[in-house]
């Protein structure tokens, strides 16, 4: 395997954080690469996380069952998930629900995060053919969906995915 998946994850995280800065969108102070499936990692505080969702065989973005495979040649790809985790309004200890204003502010932040994260991943993909790009020239790659998650308790998240070939 030519590429180091941990180094790619670390660099991806730095590029996402930098993109948010260019858009004047503040991110949580905690940024890290974490282990585990993005659907099951612990949501224990505001953060920006990158994790390896899975390693697959074939072309990034292609359904494996419809992609022809050449005997003697195996192409692998990895899917990274980028998660932005924020605190959100929740029911108080005495059972008082959050105000509509608080819920709408959370919705606005969640929608903004989803759009900017998706744009960041598209920008990272677009700049790969330029010098200093994330994975280099002509590397197979696709941006997946970016989805809101939660809220769950006092946390809400946005998770975006990107798949890249490992040649």
Protein backbone atom coordinates (compact mmCIF):
# COMPACT_ATOMS: atom_id res chain seq x y z
CA UNK A 1 0.00 0.00 0.00
CA UNK A 2 1.62 3.23 -1.15
CA UNK A 3 -0.33 5.68 1.00
CA UNK A 4 -0.29 5.82 4.80
CA UNK A 5 -3.99 5.90 5.83
CA UNK A 6 -3.27 7.57 9.20
CA UNK A 7 -1.18 10.29 7.55
CA UNK A 8 -3.96 10.85 4.99
CA UNK A 9 -6.51 11.17 7.82
CA UNK A 10 -4.32 13.66 9.69
CA UNK A 11 -3.80 15.74 6.56
CA UNK A 12 -7.52 15.58 5.71
CA UNK A 13 -8.35 16.94 9.15
CA UNK A 14 -5.92 19.85 8.73
CA UNK A 15 -7.38 20.70 5.31
CA UNK A 16 -10.98 20.64 6.60
CA UNK A 17 -10.09 22.90 9.53
CA UNK A 18 -8.27 25.28 7.19
CA UNK A 19 -11.25 25.41 4.82
CA UNK A 20 -13.63 26.31 7.64
CA UNK A 21 -11.25 29.14 8.60
CA UNK A 22 -11.42 30.54 5.05
CA UNK A 23 -15.20 30.56 5.36
CA UNK A 24 -15.06 32.34 8.76
CA UNK A 25 -16.89 29.44 10.44
CA UNK A 26 -15.57 28.73 13.93
CA UNK A 27 -15.01 25.09 14.79
CA UNK A 28 -14.72 23.42 18.19
CA UNK A 29 -11.19 23.71 19.60
CA UNK A 30 -10.63 19.94 19.83
CA UNK A 31 -9.47 18.31 16.54
CA UNK A 32 -8.26 14.73 16.26
CA UNK A 33 -8.11 11.50 14.26
CA UNK A 34 -10.01 8.76 16.04
CA UNK A 35 -10.57 5.05 15.65
CA UNK A 36 -13.88 3.42 14.92
CA UNK A 37 -16.97 3.65 12.80
CA UNK A 38 -18.37 7.20 12.58
CA UNK A 39 -21.82 5.87 13.55
CA UNK A 40 -20.63 4.44 16.87
CA UNK A 41 -17.83 6.68 18.17
CA UNK A 42 -18.36 8.39 21.51
CA UNK A 43 -19.97 11.80 21.41
CA UNK A 44 -18.43 13.17 24.57
CA UNK A 45 -17.68 16.80 23.79
CA UNK A 46 -17.45 19.35 21.03
CA UNK A 47 -14.84 18.34 18.47
CA UNK A 48 -13.86 17.82 14.87
CA UNK A 49 -12.90 14.22 14.17
CA UNK A 50 -11.69 12.19 11.22
CA UNK A 51 -11.93 8.44 11.30
CA UNK A 52 -11.47 5.55 8.91
CA UNK A 53 -14.96 4.16 8.30
CA UNK A 54 -13.82 1.19 6.21
CA UNK A 55 -11.42 -0.23 3.64
CA UNK A 56 -12.99 -1.53 0.44
CA UNK A 57 -11.92 -3.20 -2.77
CA UNK A 58 -12.55 -1.63 -6.16
CA UNK A 59 -13.01 1.92 -7.34
CA UNK A 60 -14.04 4.67 -4.88
CA UNK A 61 -17.72 5.48 -5.29
CA UNK A 62 -18.51 2.39 -7.37
CA UNK A 63 -20.83 -0.36 -6.22
CA UNK A 64 -18.60 -3.40 -5.72
CA UNK A 65 -21.06 -5.87 -7.25
CA UNK A 66 -21.10 -3.98 -10.57
CA UNK A 67 -17.39 -3.16 -10.85
CA UNK A 68 -15.31 -5.60 -12.89
CA UNK A 69 -12.15 -6.83 -11.16
CA UNK A 70 -8.99 -7.77 -13.03
CA UNK A 71 -7.45 -11.00 -11.82
CA UNK A 72 -4.05 -10.33 -10.25
CA UNK A 73 -4.78 -6.65 -9.63
CA UNK A 74 -6.44 -5.45 -6.47
CA UNK A 75 -7.33 -1.84 -5.98
CA UNK A 76 -8.29 -0.79 -2.47
CA UNK A 77 -9.84 2.38 -1.22
CA UNK A 78 -10.60 3.85 2.17
CA UNK A 79 -13.59 5.83 3.32
CA UNK A 80 -12.95 8.59 5.83
CA UNK A 81 -15.68 10.25 7.83
CA UNK A 82 -15.31 13.82 9.04
CA UNK A 83 -17.52 14.59 12.05
CA UNK A 84 -18.25 18.00 13.51
CA UNK A 85 -19.75 17.57 16.95
CA UNK A 86 -21.40 20.48 18.79
CA UNK A 87 -23.37 20.98 21.97
CA UNK A 88 -27.04 21.73 21.35
CA UNK A 89 -30.05 22.84 23.32
CA UNK A 90 -31.73 20.14 25.37
CA UNK A 91 -34.30 19.65 28.07
CA UNK A 92 -33.26 21.17 31.39
CA UNK A 93 -32.91 19.13 34.58
CA UNK A 94 -36.38 20.22 35.67
CA UNK A 95 -37.95 19.00 32.40
CA UNK A 96 -38.27 22.37 30.67
CA UNK A 97 -37.86 21.96 26.91
CA UNK A 98 -35.51 24.23 24.98
CA UNK A 99 -36.98 27.36 23.43
CA UNK A 100 -37.87 27.55 19.77
CA UNK A 101 -35.19 30.22 19.40
CA UNK A 102 -32.53 27.88 20.79
CA UNK A 103 -33.68 25.01 18.57
CA UNK A 104 -33.61 27.23 15.48
CA UNK A 105 -30.11 28.48 16.33
CA UNK A 106 -28.95 24.86 16.55
CA UNK A 107 -30.65 24.05 13.24
CA UNK A 108 -28.93 27.01 11.59
CA UNK A 109 -25.52 25.92 12.91
CA UNK A 110 -26.12 22.29 11.87
CA UNK A 111 -27.20 23.24 8.35
CA UNK A 112 -24.24 25.64 7.98
CA UNK A 113 -21.82 22.93 9.17
CA UNK A 114 -23.27 20.42 6.68
CA UNK A 115 -22.98 22.78 3.72
CA UNK A 116 -19.49 24.04 4.58
CA UNK A 117 -18.20 20.53 5.34
CA UNK A 118 -19.48 19.23 2.02
CA UNK A 119 -17.91 22.22 0.24
CA UNK A 120 -14.63 21.55 2.08
CA UNK A 121 -14.55 17.93 0.91
CA UNK A 122 -15.37 18.99 -2.67
CA UNK A 123 -12.62 21.64 -2.52
CA UNK A 124 -10.09 19.09 -1.23
CA UNK A 125 -11.01 16.72 -4.08
CA UNK A 126 -10.85 19.51 -6.69
CA UNK A 127 -7.38 20.61 -5.58
CA UNK A 128 -5.82 17.14 -5.71
CA UNK A 129 -4.51 17.64 -9.24
CA UNK A 130 -2.66 20.81 -8.21
CA UNK A 131 0.75 20.82 -6.53
CA UNK A 132 0.39 20.15 -2.80
CA UNK A 133 -3.00 18.46 -3.22
CA UNK A 134 -4.26 16.03 -0.60
CA UNK A 135 -3.46 12.71 -2.31
CA UNK A 136 -1.89 13.75 -5.57
CA UNK A 137 -2.66 13.82 -9.26
CA UNK A 138 -5.19 11.43 -10.81
CA UNK A 139 -5.89 9.50 -7.62
CA UNK A 140 -9.39 7.99 -7.77
CA UNK A 141 -11.63 9.70 -5.24
CA UNK A 142 -15.24 10.60 -4.57
CA UNK A 143 -17.07 12.76 -2.05
CA UNK A 144 -19.96 10.95 -0.41
CA UNK A 145 -22.93 12.38 1.38
CA UNK A 146 -22.85 14.79 4.28
CA UNK A 147 -25.59 14.21 6.83
CA UNK A 148 -26.79 15.65 10.13
CA UNK A 149 -26.78 13.23 13.08
CA UNK A 150 -28.85 13.68 16.22
CA UNK A 151 -29.42 15.55 18.29
CA UNK A 152 -28.79 12.97 20.96
CA UNK A 153 -28.89 14.29 24.50
CA UNK A 154 -26.95 17.53 24.41
CA UNK A 155 -24.98 16.77 21.22
CA UNK A 156 -25.60 17.19 17.51
CA UNK A 157 -23.28 16.34 14.65
CA UNK A 158 -22.66 16.56 10.94
CA UNK A 159 -20.81 13.70 9.24
CA UNK A 160 -19.33 13.89 5.74
CA UNK A 161 -17.50 11.16 3.87
CA UNK A 162 -14.80 10.95 1.25
CA UNK A 163 -13.40 7.85 -0.43
CA UNK A 164 -9.91 7.70 -1.89
CA UNK A 165 -7.99 4.99 -3.71
CA UNK A 166 -4.88 3.43 -2.22
CA UNK A 167 -2.65 2.41 -5.10
